[in-house]
Amino acid sequence: MGWENLLGSVKSAKKVITETEVAAAAVVVIVVVVVVVVVLVVVVVVVVVVVVVVVVVVVVVVVVVVVAVVVVVVVVVVVVVVVVVVVVVVVIVNVVSNSSSSSSSSKNS
């Protein structure tokens, strides 16, 4: 009788060990799945942040280029207008001085 009790105890102990191993394996699987999910989420977040940063940098570069082009165009237009005004003023002054000098020379004669 003693051996049968001992054998039953060993079988039940083996069953408990097996259930413990299964539970431990389940916990390990759950931990691995959670770690994989967390790593994937972190990777997705990092990729999204990198994409957003790249888009922001591209937008800033485009805005800077557009502003630079507008500034260059405005400066060129202002320079052209100033040159035209100076040329017109010089021509008008020459015409006025020529006409006044010719009228004064005609009065002198």
PDB file of N, CA and C in Angstrom:
ATOM      1  N   MET A   1       0.826  -1.191   0.000  1.00  0.00           N
ATOM      2  CA  MET A   1       0.000   0.000   0.000  1.00  0.00           C
ATOM      3  C   MET A   1       0.861   1.242   0.000  1.00  0.00           C
ATOM      4  N   GLY A   2       1.958   1.210   0.704  1.00  0.00           N
ATOM      5  CA  GLY A   2       2.820   2.379   0.806  1.00  0.00           C
ATOM      6  C   GLY A   2       3.377   2.794  -0.532  1.00  0.00           C
ATOM      7  N   TRP A   3       3.750   1.778  -1.341  1.00  0.00           N
ATOM      8  CA  TRP A   3       4.317   2.095  -2.653  1.00  0.00           C
ATOM      9  C   TRP A   3       3.289   2.722  -3.574  1.00  0.00           C
ATOM     10  N   GLU A   4       2.064   2.245  -3.476  1.00  0.00           N
ATOM     11  CA  GLU A   4       1.022   2.811  -4.331  1.00  0.00           C
ATOM     12  C   GLU A   4       0.770   4.267  -3.973  1.00  0.00           C
ATOM     13  N   ASN A   5       0.752   4.569  -2.671  1.00  0.00           N
ATOM     14  CA  ASN A   5       0.582   5.969  -2.257  1.00  0.00           C
ATOM     15  C   ASN A   5       1.744   6.832  -2.761  1.00  0.00           C
ATOM     16  N   LEU A   6       2.948   6.261  -2.641  1.00  0.00           N
ATOM     17  CA  LEU A   6       4.126   6.992  -3.102  1.00  0.00           C
ATOM     18  C   LEU A   6       4.062   7.200  -4.608  1.00  0.00           C
ATOM     19  N   LEU A   7       3.632   6.142  -5.332  1.00  0.00           N
ATOM     20  CA  LEU A   7       3.515   6.250  -6.784  1.00  0.00           C
ATOM     21  C   LEU A   7       2.447   7.285  -7.156  1.00  0.00           C
ATOM     22  N   GLY A   8       1.326   7.293  -6.438  1.00  0.00           N
ATOM     23  CA  GLY A   8       0.282   8.295  -6.685  1.00  0.00           C
ATOM     24  C   GLY A   8       0.790   9.692  -6.397  1.00  0.00           C
ATOM     25  N   SER A   9       1.577   9.834  -5.351  1.00  0.00           N
ATOM     26  CA  SER A   9       2.142  11.148  -5.029  1.00  0.00           C
ATOM     27  C   SER A   9       3.094  11.609  -6.118  1.00  0.00           C
ATOM     28  N   VAL A  10       3.898  10.676  -6.642  1.00  0.00           N
ATOM     29  CA  VAL A  10       4.838  11.033  -7.717  1.00  0.00           C
ATOM     30  C   VAL A  10       4.071  11.445  -8.956  1.00  0.00           C
ATOM     31  N   LYS A  11       2.998  10.708  -9.301  1.00  0.00           N
ATOM     32  CA  LYS A  11       2.205  11.062 -10.484  1.00  0.00           C
ATOM     33  C   LYS A  11       1.574  12.439 -10.314  1.00  0.00           C
ATOM     34  N   SER A  12       0.999  12.687  -9.131  1.00  0.00           N
ATOM     35  CA  SER A  12       0.378  13.997  -8.913  1.00  0.00           C
ATOM     36  C   SER A  12       1.438  15.093  -8.903  1.00  0.00           C
ATOM     37  N   ALA A  13       2.621  14.795  -8.369  1.00  0.00           N
ATOM     38  CA  ALA A  13       3.700  15.782  -8.383  1.00  0.00           C
ATOM     39  C   ALA A  13       4.133  16.054  -9.820  1.00  0.00           C
ATOM     40  N   LYS A  14       4.215  15.002 -10.631  1.00  0.00           N
ATOM     41  CA  LYS A  14       4.589  15.178 -12.030  1.00  0.00           C
ATOM     42  C   LYS A  14       3.538  16.011 -12.752  1.00  0.00           C
ATOM     43  N   LYS A  15       2.258  15.777 -12.439  1.00  0.00           N
ATOM     44  CA  LYS A  15       1.189  16.549 -13.051  1.00  0.00           C
ATOM     45  C   LYS A  15       1.298  18.014 -12.641  1.00  0.00           C
ATOM     46  N   VAL A  16       1.592  18.271 -11.379  1.00  0.00           N
ATOM     47  CA  VAL A  16       1.735  19.655 -10.900  1.00  0.00           C
ATOM     48  C   VAL A  16       2.905  20.328 -11.597  1.00  0.00           C
ATOM     49  N   ILE A  17       4.012  19.598 -11.740  1.00  0.00           N
ATOM     50  CA  ILE A  17       5.179  20.164 -12.415  1.00  0.00           C
ATOM     51  C   ILE A  17       4.832  20.484 -13.868  1.00  0.00           C
ATOM     52  N   THR A  18       4.120  19.595 -14.511  1.00  0.00           N
ATOM     53  CA  THR A  18       3.742  19.829 -15.902  1.00  0.00           C
ATOM     54  C   THR A  18       2.843  21.049 -16.012  1.00  0.00           C
ATOM     55  N   GLU A  19       1.861  21.190 -15.132  1.00  0.00           N
ATOM     56  CA  GLU A  19       0.988  22.364 -15.150  1.00  0.00           C
ATOM     57  C   GLU A  19       1.786  23.630 -14.866  1.00  0.00           C
ATOM     58  N   THR A  20       2.758  23.527 -13.956  1.00  0.00           N
ATOM     59  CA  THR A  20       3.596  24.687 -13.658  1.00  0.00           C
ATOM     60  C   THR A  20       4.433  25.066 -14.876  1.00  0.00           C
ATOM     61  N   GLU A  21       4.957  24.034 -15.552  1.00  0.00           N
ATOM     62  CA  GLU A  21       5.739  24.319 -16.753  1.00  0.00           C
ATOM     63  C   GLU A  21       4.880  24.953 -17.834  1.00  0.00           C
ATOM     64  N   VAL A  22       3.654  24.444 -17.981  1.00  0.00           N
ATOM     65  CA  VAL A  22       2.745  25.021 -18.977  1.00  0.00           C
ATOM     66  C   VAL A  22       2.421  26.461 -18.618  1.00  0.00           C
ATOM     67  N   ALA A  23       2.157  26.708 -17.347  1.00  0.00           N
ATOM     68  CA  ALA A  23       1.863  28.075 -16.917  1.00  0.00           C
ATOM     69  C   ALA A  23       3.070  28.980 -17.147  1.00  0.00           C
ATOM     70  N   ALA A  24       4.264  28.480 -16.839  1.00  0.00           N
ATOM     71  CA  ALA A  24       5.474  29.278 -17.055  1.00  0.00           C
ATOM     72  C   ALA A  24       5.674  29.553 -18.539  1.00  0.00           C
ATOM     73  N   ALA A  25       5.436  28.536 -19.359  1.00  0.00           N
ATOM     74  CA  ALA A  25       5.571  28.728 -20.802  1.00  0.00           C
ATOM     75  C   ALA A  25       4.551  29.742 -21.308  1.00  0.00           C
ATOM     76  N   ALA A  26       3.330  29.666 -20.773  1.00  0.00           N
ATOM     77  CA  ALA A  26       2.305  30.634 -21.169  1.00  0.00           C
ATOM     78  C   ALA A  26       2.720  32.044 -20.773  1.00  0.00           C
ATOM     79  N   VAL A  27       3.272  32.179 -19.568  1.00  0.00           N
ATOM     80  CA  VAL A  27       3.730  33.502 -19.123  1.00  0.00           C
ATOM     81  C   VAL A  27       4.847  34.001 -20.027  1.00  0.00           C
ATOM     82  N   VAL A  28       5.771  33.104 -20.386  1.00  0.00           N
ATOM     83  CA  VAL A  28       6.872  33.498 -21.276  1.00  0.00           C
ATOM     84  C   VAL A  28       6.333  33.931 -22.631  1.00  0.00           C
ATOM     85  N   VAL A  29       5.373  33.175 -23.158  1.00  0.00           N
ATOM     86  CA  VAL A  29       4.786  33.538 -24.453  1.00  0.00           C
ATOM     87  C   VAL A  29       4.097  34.889 -24.363  1.00  0.00           C
ATOM     88  N   ILE A  30       3.349  35.111 -23.290  1.00  0.00           N
ATOM     89  CA  ILE A  30       2.655  36.395 -23.112  1.00  0.00           C
ATOM     90  C   ILE A  30       3.664  37.533 -23.026  1.00  0.00           C
ATOM     91  N   VAL A  31       4.737  37.324 -22.261  1.00  0.00           N
ATOM     92  CA  VAL A  31       5.759  38.372 -22.129  1.00  0.00           C
ATOM     93  C   VAL A  31       6.414  38.654 -23.472  1.00  0.00           C
ATOM     94  N   VAL A  32       6.716  37.595 -24.229  1.00  0.00           N
ATOM     95  CA  VAL A  32       7.338  37.785 -25.545  1.00  0.00           C
ATOM     96  C   VAL A  32       6.402  38.541 -26.472  1.00  0.00           C
ATOM     97  N   VAL A  33       5.123  38.174 -26.475  1.00  0.00           N
ATOM     98  CA  VAL A  33       4.149  38.868 -27.327  1.00  0.00           C
ATOM     99  C   VAL A  33       4.044  40.333 -26.932  1.00  0.00           C
ATOM    100  N   VAL A  34       3.987  40.605 -25.626  1.00  0.00           N
ATOM    101  CA  VAL A  34       3.893  41.996 -25.165  1.00  0.00           C
ATOM    102  C   VAL A  34       5.136  42.776 -25.576  1.00  0.00           C
ATOM    103  N   VAL A  35       6.314  42.170 -25.416  1.00  0.00           N
ATOM    104  CA  VAL A  35       7.556  42.854 -25.799  1.00  0.00           C
ATOM    105  C   VAL A  35       7.579  43.126 -27.298  1.00  0.00           C
ATOM    106  N   VAL A  36       7.159  42.141 -28.094  1.00  0.00           N
ATOM    107  CA  VAL A  36       7.136  42.338 -29.549  1.00  0.00           C
ATOM    108  C   VAL A  36       6.168  43.452 -29.921  1.00  0.00           C
ATOM    109  N   VAL A  37       4.993  43.468 -29.310  1.00  0.00           N
ATOM    110  CA  VAL A  37       4.010  44.518 -29.600  1.00  0.00           C
ATOM    111  C   VAL A  37       4.560  45.882 -29.203  1.00  0.00           C
ATOM    112  N   VAL A  38       5.191  45.965 -28.033  1.00  0.00           N
ATOM    113  CA  VAL A  38       5.752  47.247 -27.586  1.00  0.00           C
ATOM    114  C   VAL A  38       6.849  47.704 -28.540  1.00  0.00           C
ATOM    115  N   VAL A  39       7.707  46.773 -28.961  1.00  0.00           N
ATOM    116  CA  VAL A  39       8.776  47.136 -29.901  1.00  0.00           C
ATOM    117  C   VAL A  39       8.186  47.608 -31.221  1.00  0.00           C
ATOM    118  N   LEU A  40       7.164  46.922 -31.710  1.00  0.00           N
ATOM    119  CA  LEU A  40       6.528  47.347 -32.960  1.00  0.00           C
ATOM    120  C   LEU A  40       5.900  48.727 -32.825  1.00  0.00           C
ATOM    121  N   VAL A  41       5.237  48.975 -31.702  1.00  0.00           N
ATOM    122  CA  VAL A  41       4.629  50.290 -31.478  1.00  0.00           C
ATOM    123  C   VAL A  41       5.708  51.366 -31.437  1.00  0.00           C
ATOM    124  N   VAL A  42       6.816  51.081 -30.753  1.00  0.00           N
ATOM    125  CA  VAL A  42       7.905  52.060 -30.683  1.00  0.00           C
ATOM    126  C   VAL A  42       8.479  52.313 -32.071  1.00  0.00           C
ATOM    127  N   VAL A  43       8.649  51.258 -32.861  1.00  0.00           N
ATOM    128  CA  VAL A  43       9.174  51.426 -34.222  1.00  0.00           C
ATOM    129  C   VAL A  43       8.219  52.261 -35.063  1.00  0.00           C
ATOM    130  N   VAL A  44       6.928  51.985 -34.965  1.00  0.00           N
ATOM    131  CA  VAL A  44       5.939  52.757 -35.725  1.00  0.00           C
ATOM    132  C   VAL A  44       5.964  54.218 -35.296  1.00  0.00           C
ATOM    133  N   VAL A  45       6.035  54.467 -33.994  1.00  0.00           N
ATOM    134  CA  VAL A  45       6.078  55.852 -33.503  1.00  0.00           C
ATOM    135  C   VAL A  45       7.333  56.553 -34.005  1.00  0.00           C
ATOM    136  N   VAL A  46       8.471  55.868 -33.963  1.00  0.00           N
ATOM    137  CA  VAL A  46       9.717  56.475 -34.444  1.00  0.00           C
ATOM    138  C   VAL A  46       9.625  56.776 -35.935  1.00  0.00           C
ATOM    139  N   VAL A  47       9.069  55.853 -36.705  1.00  0.00           N
ATOM    140  CA  VAL A  47       8.924  56.086 -38.146  1.00  0.00           C
ATOM    141  C   VAL A  47       8.004  57.270 -38.405  1.00  0.00           C
ATOM    142  N   VAL A  48       6.901  57.350 -37.688  1.00  0.00           N
ATOM    143  CA  VAL A  48       5.974  58.474 -37.863  1.00  0.00           C
ATOM    144  C   VAL A  48       6.660  59.785 -37.500  1.00  0.00           C
ATOM    145  N   VAL A  49       7.404  59.801 -36.405  1.00  0.00           N
ATOM    146  CA  VAL A  49       8.104  61.027 -35.997  1.00  0.00           C
ATOM    147  C   VAL A  49       9.132  61.425 -37.050  1.00  0.00           C
ATOM    148  N   VAL A  50       9.868  60.450 -37.579  1.00  0.00           N
ATOM    149  CA  VAL A  50      10.865  60.757 -38.612  1.00  0.00           C
ATOM    150  C   VAL A  50      10.187  61.309 -39.859  1.00  0.00           C
ATOM    151  N   VAL A  51       9.076  60.707 -40.262  1.00  0.00           N
ATOM    152  CA  VAL A  51       8.355  61.197 -41.441  1.00  0.00           C
ATOM    153  C   VAL A  51       7.852  62.614 -41.208  1.00  0.00           C
ATOM    154  N   VAL A  52       7.305  62.881 -40.030  1.00  0.00           N
ATOM    155  CA  VAL A  52       6.809  64.229 -39.722  1.00  0.00           C
ATOM    156  C   VAL A  52       7.956  65.232 -39.742  1.00  0.00           C
ATOM    157  N   VAL A  53       9.093  64.860 -39.159  1.00  0.00           N
ATOM    158  CA  VAL A  53      10.244  65.771 -39.147  1.00  0.00           C
ATOM    159  C   VAL A  53      10.724  66.037 -40.570  1.00  0.00           C
ATOM    160  N   VAL A  54      10.776  65.001 -41.397  1.00  0.00           N
ATOM    161  CA  VAL A  54      11.209  65.190 -42.787  1.00  0.00           C
ATOM    162  C   VAL A  54      10.240  66.098 -43.531  1.00  0.00           C
ATOM    163  N   VAL A  55       8.944  65.893 -43.340  1.00  0.00           N
ATOM    164  CA  VAL A  55       7.946  66.739 -43.999  1.00  0.00           C
ATOM    165  C   VAL A  55       8.087  68.185 -43.540  1.00  0.00           C
ATOM    166  N   VAL A  56       8.276  68.399 -42.237  1.00  0.00           N
ATOM    167  CA  VAL A  56       8.434  69.764 -41.720  1.00  0.00           C
ATOM    168  C   VAL A  56       9.685  70.408 -42.302  1.00  0.00           C
ATOM    169  N   VAL A  57      10.781  69.656 -42.375  1.00  0.00           N
ATOM    170  CA  VAL A  57      12.021  70.210 -42.940  1.00  0.00           C
ATOM    171  C   VAL A  57      11.825  70.568 -44.407  1.00  0.00           C
ATOM    172  N   VAL A  58      11.154  69.704 -45.154  1.00  0.00           N
ATOM    173  CA  VAL A  58      10.908  69.988 -46.574  1.00  0.00           C
ATOM    174  C   VAL A  58      10.041  71.232 -46.725  1.00  0.00           C
ATOM    175  N   VAL A  59       9.005  71.351 -45.912  1.00  0.00           N
ATOM    176  CA  VAL A  59       8.129  72.529 -45.978  1.00  0.00           C
ATOM    177  C   VAL A  59       8.915  73.790 -45.641  1.00  0.00           C
ATOM    178  N   VAL A  60       9.758  73.729 -44.608  1.00  0.00           N
ATOM    179  CA  VAL A  60      10.551  74.902 -44.231  1.00  0.00           C
ATOM    180  C   VAL A  60      11.507  75.277 -45.357  1.00  0.00           C
ATOM    181  N   VAL A  61      12.144  74.289 -45.971  1.00  0.00           N
ATOM    182  CA  VAL A  61      13.066  74.578 -47.079  1.00  0.00           C
ATOM    183  C   VAL A  61      12.318  75.205 -48.247  1.00  0.00           C
ATOM    184  N   VAL A  62      11.146  74.675 -48.569  1.00  0.00           N
ATOM    185  CA  VAL A  62      10.356  75.238 -49.672  1.00  0.00           C
ATOM    186  C   VAL A  62       9.954  76.673 -49.358  1.00  0.00           C
ATOM    187  N   VAL A  63       9.525  76.929 -48.132  1.00  0.00           N
ATOM    188  CA  VAL A  63       9.129  78.291 -47.746  1.00  0.00           C
ATOM    189  C   VAL A  63      10.324  79.230 -47.831  1.00  0.00           C
ATOM    190  N   VAL A  64      11.486  78.788 -47.361  1.00  0.00           N
ATOM    191  CA  VAL A  64      12.679  79.636 -47.421  1.00  0.00           C
ATOM    192  C   VAL A  64      13.054  79.931 -48.869  1.00  0.00           C
ATOM    193  N   VAL A  65      12.979  78.929 -49.735  1.00  0.00           N
ATOM    194  CA  VAL A  65      13.306  79.146 -51.147  1.00  0.00           C
ATOM    195  C   VAL A  65      12.317  80.114 -51.786  1.00  0.00           C
ATOM    196  N   VAL A  66      11.030  79.944 -51.502  1.00  0.00           N
ATOM    197  CA  VAL A  66      10.019  80.841 -52.067  1.00  0.00           C
ATOM    198  C   VAL A  66      10.240  82.269 -51.579  1.00  0.00           C
ATOM    199  N   VAL A  67      10.519  82.432 -50.289  1.00  0.00           N
ATOM    200  CA  VAL A  67      10.767  83.775 -49.748  1.00  0.00           C
ATOM    201  C   VAL A  67      12.012  84.376 -50.389  1.00  0.00           C
ATOM    202  N   ALA A  68      13.051  83.576 -50.567  1.00  0.00           N
ATOM    203  CA  ALA A  68      14.271  84.083 -51.199  1.00  0.00           C
ATOM    204  C   ALA A  68      14.002  84.522 -52.635  1.00  0.00           C
ATOM    205  N   VAL A  69      13.232  83.735 -53.377  1.00  0.00           N
ATOM    206  CA  VAL A  69      12.901  84.103 -54.758  1.00  0.00           C
ATOM    207  C   VAL A  69      12.083  85.386 -54.788  1.00  0.00           C
ATOM    208  N   VAL A  70      11.118  85.511 -53.891  1.00  0.00           N
ATOM    209  CA  VAL A  70      10.297  86.728 -53.837  1.00  0.00           C
ATOM    210  C   VAL A  70      11.166  87.934 -53.504  1.00  0.00           C
ATOM    211  N   VAL A  71      12.086  87.783 -52.550  1.00  0.00           N
ATOM    212  CA  VAL A  71      12.967  88.899 -52.185  1.00  0.00           C
ATOM    213  C   VAL A  71      13.836  89.293 -53.372  1.00  0.00           C
ATOM    214  N   VAL A  72      14.385  88.322 -54.083  1.00  0.00           N
ATOM    215  CA  VAL A  72      15.219  88.629 -55.250  1.00  0.00           C
ATOM    216  C   VAL A  72      14.401  89.346 -56.314  1.00  0.00           C
ATOM    217  N   VAL A  73      13.188  88.874 -56.570  1.00  0.00           N
ATOM    218  CA  VAL A  73      12.333  89.518 -57.575  1.00  0.00           C
ATOM    219  C   VAL A  73      12.015  90.949 -57.165  1.00  0.00           C
ATOM    220  N   VAL A  74      11.687  91.164 -55.900  1.00  0.00           N
ATOM    221  CA  VAL A  74      11.370  92.513 -55.423  1.00  0.00           C
ATOM    222  C   VAL A  74      12.589  93.420 -55.556  1.00  0.00           C
ATOM    223  N   VAL A  75      13.769  92.920 -55.181  1.00  0.00           N
ATOM    224  CA  VAL A  75      14.983  93.732 -55.292  1.00  0.00           C
ATOM    225  C   VAL A  75      15.257  94.079 -56.751  1.00  0.00           C
ATOM    226  N   VAL A  76      15.100  93.123 -57.650  1.00  0.00           N
ATOM    227  CA  VAL A  76      15.328  93.393 -59.075  1.00  0.00           C
ATOM    228  C   VAL A  76      14.337  94.427 -59.585  1.00  0.00           C
ATOM    229  N   VAL A  77      13.070  94.296 -59.216  1.00  0.00           N
ATOM    230  CA  VAL A  77      12.054  95.259 -59.655  1.00  0.00           C
ATOM    231  C   VAL A  77      12.376  96.646 -59.119  1.00  0.00           C
ATOM    232  N   VAL A  78      12.765  96.748 -57.856  1.00  0.00           N
ATOM    233  CA  VAL A  78      13.094  98.053 -57.268  1.00  0.00           C
ATOM    234  C   VAL A  78      14.296  98.659 -57.980  1.00  0.00           C
ATOM    235  N   VAL A  79      15.317  97.855 -58.248  1.00  0.00           N
ATOM    236  CA  VAL A  79      16.502  98.369 -58.944  1.00  0.00           C
ATOM    237  C   VAL A  79      16.129  98.851 -60.343  1.00  0.00           C
ATOM    238  N   VAL A  80      15.315  98.094 -61.055  1.00  0.00           N
ATOM    239  CA  VAL A  80      14.902  98.496 -62.404  1.00  0.00           C
ATOM    240  C   VAL A  80      14.107  99.793 -62.349  1.00  0.00           C
ATOM    241  N   VAL A  81      13.190  99.898 -61.400  1.00  0.00           N
ATOM    242  CA  VAL A  81      12.384 101.121 -61.268  1.00  0.00           C
ATOM    243  C   VAL A  81      13.284 102.307 -60.948  1.00  0.00           C
ATOM    244  N   VAL A  82      14.233 102.134 -60.035  1.00  0.00           N
ATOM    245  CA  VAL A  82      15.138 103.235 -59.677  1.00  0.00           C
ATOM    246  C   VAL A  82      15.973 103.643 -60.885  1.00  0.00           C
ATOM    247  N   VAL A  83      16.483 102.682 -61.630  1.00  0.00           N
ATOM    248  CA  VAL A  83      17.286 103.004 -62.816  1.00  0.00           C
ATOM    249  C   VAL A  83      16.444 103.747 -63.842  1.00  0.00           C
ATOM    250  N   VAL A  84      15.216 103.285 -64.074  1.00  0.00           N
ATOM    251  CA  VAL A  84      14.337 103.961 -65.037  1.00  0.00           C
ATOM    252  C   VAL A  84      14.044 105.384 -64.584  1.00  0.00           C
ATOM    253  N   VAL A  85      13.752 105.570 -63.301  1.00  0.00           N
ATOM    254  CA  VAL A  85      13.461 106.911 -62.782  1.00  0.00           C
ATOM    255  C   VAL A  85      14.685 107.812 -62.935  1.00  0.00           C
ATOM    256  N   VAL A  86      15.864 107.288 -62.601  1.00  0.00           N
ATOM    257  CA  VAL A  86      17.081 108.096 -62.730  1.00  0.00           C
ATOM    258  C   VAL A  86      17.321 108.468 -64.188  1.00  0.00           C
ATOM    259  N   VAL A  87      17.135 107.533 -65.095  1.00  0.00           N
ATOM    260  CA  VAL A  87      17.335 107.828 -66.521  1.00  0.00           C
ATOM    261  C   VAL A  87      16.336 108.870 -66.987  1.00  0.00           C
ATOM    262  N   VAL A  88      15.086 108.736 -66.596  1.00  0.00           N
ATOM    263  CA  VAL A  88      14.058 109.704 -66.993  1.00  0.00           C
ATOM    264  C   VAL A  88      14.392 111.082 -66.432  1.00  0.00           C
ATOM    265  N   VAL A  89      14.804 111.149 -65.176  1.00  0.00           N
ATOM    266  CA  VAL A  89      15.147 112.441 -64.565  1.00  0.00           C
ATOM    267  C   VAL A  89      16.344 113.057 -65.280  1.00  0.00           C
ATOM    268  N   VAL A  90      17.349 112.247 -65.577  1.00  0.00           N
ATOM    269  CA  VAL A  90      18.529 112.774 -66.281  1.00  0.00           C
ATOM    270  C   VAL A  90      18.141 113.283 -67.662  1.00  0.00           C
ATOM    271  N   VAL A  91      17.299 112.547 -68.366  1.00  0.00           N
ATOM    272  CA  VAL A  91      16.862 112.993 -69.696  1.00  0.00           C
ATOM    273  C   VAL A  91      16.073 114.288 -69.588  1.00  0.00           C
ATOM    274  N   ILE A  92      15.179 114.371 -68.618  1.00  0.00           N
ATOM    275  CA  ILE A  92      14.375 115.592 -68.439  1.00  0.00           C
ATOM    276  C   ILE A  92      15.283 116.771 -68.094  1.00  0.00           C
ATOM    277  N   VAL A  93      16.232 116.559 -67.199  1.00  0.00           N
ATOM    278  CA  VAL A  93      17.151 117.640 -66.821  1.00  0.00           C
ATOM    279  C   VAL A  93      17.972 118.066 -68.030  1.00  0.00           C
ATOM    280  N   ASN A  94      18.425 117.134 -68.821  1.00  0.00           N
ATOM    281  CA  ASN A  94      19.195 117.481 -70.024  1.00  0.00           C
ATOM    282  C   ASN A  94      18.345 118.273 -71.009  1.00  0.00           C
ATOM    283  N   VAL A  95      17.114 117.813 -71.210  1.00  0.00           N
ATOM    284  CA  VAL A  95      16.229 118.515 -72.147  1.00  0.00           C
ATOM    285  C   VAL A  95      15.955 119.923 -71.643  1.00  0.00           C
ATOM    286  N   VAL A  96      15.663 120.064 -70.361  1.00  0.00           N
ATOM    287  CA  VAL A  96      15.361 121.385 -69.792  1.00  0.00           C
ATOM    288  C   VAL A  96      16.597 122.275 -69.863  1.00  0.00           C
ATOM    289  N   SER A  97      17.746 121.740 -69.514  1.00  0.00           N
ATOM    290  CA  SER A  97      18.961 122.564 -69.542  1.00  0.00           C
ATOM    291  C   SER A  97      19.322 122.928 -70.979  1.00  0.00           C
ATOM    292  N   ASN A  98      19.132 122.011 -71.918  1.00  0.00           N
ATOM    293  CA  ASN A  98      19.416 122.320 -73.318  1.00  0.00           C
ATOM    294  C   ASN A  98      18.462 123.382 -73.838  1.00  0.00           C
ATOM    295  N   SER A  99      17.195 123.256 -73.497  1.00  0.00           N
ATOM    296  CA  SER A  99      16.229 124.236 -73.989  1.00  0.00           C
ATOM    297  C   SER A  99      16.467 125.592 -73.345  1.00  0.00           C
ATOM    298  N   SER A 100      16.818 125.616 -72.072  1.00  0.00           N
ATOM    299  CA  SER A 100      17.070 126.905 -71.421  1.00  0.00           C
ATOM    300  C   SER A 100      18.362 127.511 -71.943  1.00  0.00           C
ATOM    301  N   SER A 101      19.372 126.704 -72.178  1.00  0.00           N
ATOM    302  CA  SER A 101      20.630 127.253 -72.693  1.00  0.00           C
ATOM    303  C   SER A 101      20.443 127.717 -74.132  1.00  0.00           C
ATOM    304  N   SER A 102      19.657 127.012 -74.908  1.00  0.00           N
ATOM    305  CA  SER A 102      19.433 127.441 -76.286  1.00  0.00           C
ATOM    306  C   SER A 102      18.582 128.700 -76.311  1.00  0.00           C
ATOM    307  N   SER A 103      17.636 128.819 -75.406  1.00  0.00           N
ATOM    308  CA  SER A 103      16.819 130.035 -75.368  1.00  0.00           C
ATOM    309  C   SER A 103      17.644 131.209 -74.878  1.00  0.00           C
ATOM    310  N   SER A 104      18.523 130.983 -73.928  1.00  0.00           N
ATOM    311  CA  SER A 104      19.362 132.082 -73.442  1.00  0.00           C
ATOM    312  C   SER A 104      20.384 132.463 -74.503  1.00  0.00           C
ATOM    313  N   SER A 105      20.883 131.505 -75.247  1.00  0.00           N
ATOM    314  CA  SER A 105      21.845 131.834 -76.299  1.00  0.00           C
ATOM    315  C   SER A 105      21.143 132.569 -77.432  1.00  0.00           C
ATOM    316  N   SER A 106      19.902 132.252 -77.693  1.00  0.00           N
ATOM    317  CA  SER A 106      19.170 132.967 -78.730  1.00  0.00           C
ATOM    318  C   SER A 106      18.852 134.377 -78.268  1.00  0.00           C
ATOM    319  N   LYS A 107      18.623 134.580 -76.978  1.00  0.00           N
ATOM    320  CA  LYS A 107      18.380 135.920 -76.438  1.00  0.00           C
ATOM    321  C   LYS A 107      19.656 136.744 -76.520  1.00  0.00           C
ATOM    322  N   ASN A 108      20.790 136.098 -76.283  1.00  0.00           N
ATOM    323  CA  ASN A 108      22.065 136.806 -76.319  1.00  0.00           C
ATOM    324  C   ASN A 108      22.387 137.272 -77.734  1.00  0.00           C
ATOM    325  N   SER A 109      22.003 136.506 -78.720  1.00  0.00           N
ATOM    326  CA  SER A 109      22.310 136.924 -80.075  1.00  0.00           C
ATOM    327  C   SER A 109      21.288 137.928 -80.479  1.00  0.00           C
TER     328      SER A 109
END
